[in-house]
Amino acid sequence: MVALVSIYFGGVLTLLIAILHTRFYKIFNWKNDFEKITIINHRIIYTIHLALLLLFFMIAAISIIYAKELSQSVGLAFGFNILYSIFWMWRLIWQFVYFKREKGQKIPLIEIFLIIIFILLVVSYLIPVICRFL
């Protein structure tokens, strides 16, 4: 039961991440920034972002629709859970390594929120894996 709830929770979090990503263009004023770079770089960045957005929506849907199978963490579901946990672990580490601040600079609230979400995503997809071996 815990594994099932964790997959549903992970699916909902992934959906929220996807929805947040739909706002990036506006939140980060990409229209203005994209005017300052070459058209090819603009298209590459935007294409990668749209692909990631589509991937998040698909993973959220898979997680919610196939929660029971993923919660059992057998076969392909085991691989999916491990790989998606690794993805979010990498993103968590990347947050500290790549988005580091100057000494003494306060951590913005949004960054704290993202760190918590990344940790929750790692854990929510690892729980079924751990439960499988208990």
Protein backbone atom coordinates (compact mmCIF):
# COMPACT_ATOMS: atom_id res chain seq x y z
CA MET A 1 0.00 0.00 0.00
CA VAL A 2 2.85 2.40 0.85
CA ALA A 3 4.51 1.69 -2.51
CA LEU A 4 1.26 2.38 -4.38
CA VAL A 5 0.70 5.69 -2.61
CA SER A 6 4.31 6.70 -3.27
CA ILE A 7 3.90 6.13 -7.02
CA TYR A 8 0.66 8.13 -7.11
CA PHE A 9 2.40 10.86 -5.13
CA GLY A 10 5.37 10.82 -7.53
CA GLY A 11 3.00 10.99 -10.50
CA VAL A 12 1.22 14.03 -9.08
CA LEU A 13 4.56 15.72 -8.28
CA THR A 14 5.76 15.02 -11.81
CA LEU A 15 2.54 16.52 -13.16
CA LEU A 16 3.11 19.63 -11.04
CA ILE A 17 6.69 19.89 -12.35
CA ALA A 18 5.33 19.62 -15.91
CA ILE A 19 2.76 22.34 -15.27
CA LEU A 20 5.47 24.57 -13.76
CA HIS A 21 7.57 24.01 -16.88
CA THR A 22 4.72 25.28 -19.07
CA ARG A 23 5.23 28.67 -17.38
CA PHE A 24 9.00 28.90 -17.92
CA TYR A 25 8.69 30.96 -21.12
CA LYS A 26 6.85 33.66 -19.20
CA ILE A 27 8.48 33.29 -15.75
CA PHE A 28 12.01 33.60 -17.11
CA ASN A 29 11.15 36.09 -19.86
CA TRP A 30 12.51 33.80 -22.57
CA LYS A 31 11.02 35.96 -25.32
CA ASN A 32 13.46 38.73 -24.41
CA ASP A 33 16.38 36.34 -23.91
CA PHE A 34 15.72 34.41 -27.11
CA GLU A 35 15.96 37.67 -29.11
CA LYS A 36 19.57 38.02 -27.91
CA ILE A 37 20.81 34.63 -29.15
CA THR A 38 21.04 33.05 -32.57
CA ILE A 39 17.87 31.54 -34.02
CA ILE A 40 19.44 28.06 -34.01
CA ASN A 41 20.32 28.27 -30.29
CA HIS A 42 16.83 29.62 -29.57
CA ARG A 43 15.28 26.69 -31.42
CA ILE A 44 17.57 24.13 -29.76
CA ILE A 45 16.84 25.38 -26.23
CA TYR A 46 13.12 25.63 -26.88
CA THR A 47 13.00 22.18 -28.51
CA ILE A 48 14.85 20.57 -25.60
CA HIS A 49 12.51 22.28 -23.16
CA LEU A 50 9.40 21.14 -25.03
CA ALA A 51 10.74 17.57 -25.20
CA LEU A 52 11.38 17.61 -21.44
CA LEU A 53 7.91 19.04 -20.86
CA LEU A 54 6.33 16.28 -22.97
CA LEU A 55 8.41 13.65 -21.15
CA PHE A 56 7.24 14.91 -17.74
CA PHE A 57 3.59 14.81 -18.82
CA MET A 58 4.04 11.27 -20.18
CA ILE A 59 5.81 10.05 -17.03
CA ALA A 60 3.10 11.62 -14.86
CA ALA A 61 0.43 9.85 -16.91
CA ILE A 62 2.28 6.52 -16.81
CA SER A 63 2.76 6.87 -13.05
CA ILE A 64 -0.91 7.56 -12.42
CA ILE A 65 -2.37 5.08 -14.92
CA TYR A 66 0.07 2.24 -14.15
CA ALA A 67 0.63 2.99 -10.46
CA LYS A 68 -0.20 -0.58 -9.41
CA GLU A 69 2.38 -2.10 -11.77
CA LEU A 70 5.03 0.47 -10.86
CA SER A 71 4.37 -0.05 -7.15
CA GLN A 72 5.20 -3.75 -7.53
CA SER A 73 8.58 -2.76 -9.01
CA VAL A 74 8.98 -5.96 -11.03
CA GLY A 75 10.65 -6.19 -14.45
CA LEU A 76 10.36 -3.01 -16.48
CA ALA A 77 8.68 -1.23 -13.56
CA PHE A 78 11.79 -1.89 -11.45
CA GLY A 79 14.01 -0.33 -14.13
CA PHE A 80 11.65 2.61 -14.57
CA ASN A 81 11.57 3.33 -10.83
CA ILE A 82 15.35 3.10 -10.48
CA LEU A 83 16.07 5.25 -13.54
CA TYR A 84 13.53 7.92 -12.64
CA SER A 85 14.91 8.06 -9.08
CA ILE A 86 18.42 8.44 -10.49
CA PHE A 87 17.21 11.23 -12.78
CA TRP A 88 15.82 13.20 -9.83
CA MET A 89 18.90 12.45 -7.70
CA TRP A 90 21.04 13.86 -10.52
CA ARG A 91 18.77 16.94 -10.70
CA LEU A 92 19.07 17.41 -6.94
CA ILE A 93 22.87 17.22 -7.07
CA TRP A 94 22.89 19.52 -10.11
CA GLN A 95 20.91 22.08 -8.09
CA PHE A 96 23.76 22.32 -5.58
CA VAL A 97 26.64 22.07 -8.07
CA TYR A 98 25.45 24.20 -10.98
CA PHE A 99 23.11 26.70 -9.30
CA LYS A 100 25.41 27.51 -6.38
CA ARG A 101 25.35 30.98 -4.90
CA GLU A 102 27.96 33.39 -3.65
CA LYS A 103 29.08 32.96 -0.04
CA GLY A 104 26.62 34.53 2.38
CA GLN A 105 23.86 34.77 -0.23
CA LYS A 106 20.52 33.51 1.09
CA ILE A 107 18.86 30.53 -0.55
CA PRO A 108 15.74 31.75 -2.39
CA LEU A 109 12.46 30.20 -1.25
CA ILE A 110 11.86 28.73 -4.74
CA GLU A 111 15.17 26.87 -4.53
CA ILE A 112 14.28 25.39 -1.15
CA PHE A 113 10.92 24.36 -2.62
CA LEU A 114 12.64 22.70 -5.62
CA ILE A 115 15.12 20.85 -3.41
CA ILE A 116 12.25 19.44 -1.35
CA ILE A 117 10.35 18.41 -4.50
CA PHE A 118 13.45 16.71 -5.95
CA ILE A 119 14.03 14.78 -2.72
CA LEU A 120 10.37 13.74 -2.60
CA LEU A 121 10.55 12.52 -6.21
CA VAL A 122 13.68 10.46 -5.55
CA VAL A 123 12.10 8.88 -2.49
CA SER A 124 8.66 8.31 -4.02
CA TYR A 125 10.09 6.20 -6.85
CA LEU A 126 12.62 4.41 -4.62
CA ILE A 127 10.05 3.29 -2.05
CA PRO A 128 8.60 0.55 -4.33
CA VAL A 129 12.12 -0.70 -5.06
CA ILE A 130 12.95 -0.87 -1.36
CA CYS A 131 9.58 -2.46 -0.51
CA ARG A 132 10.22 -5.16 -3.10
CA PHE A 133 13.24 -6.39 -1.17
CA LEU A 134 11.73 -6.19 2.32
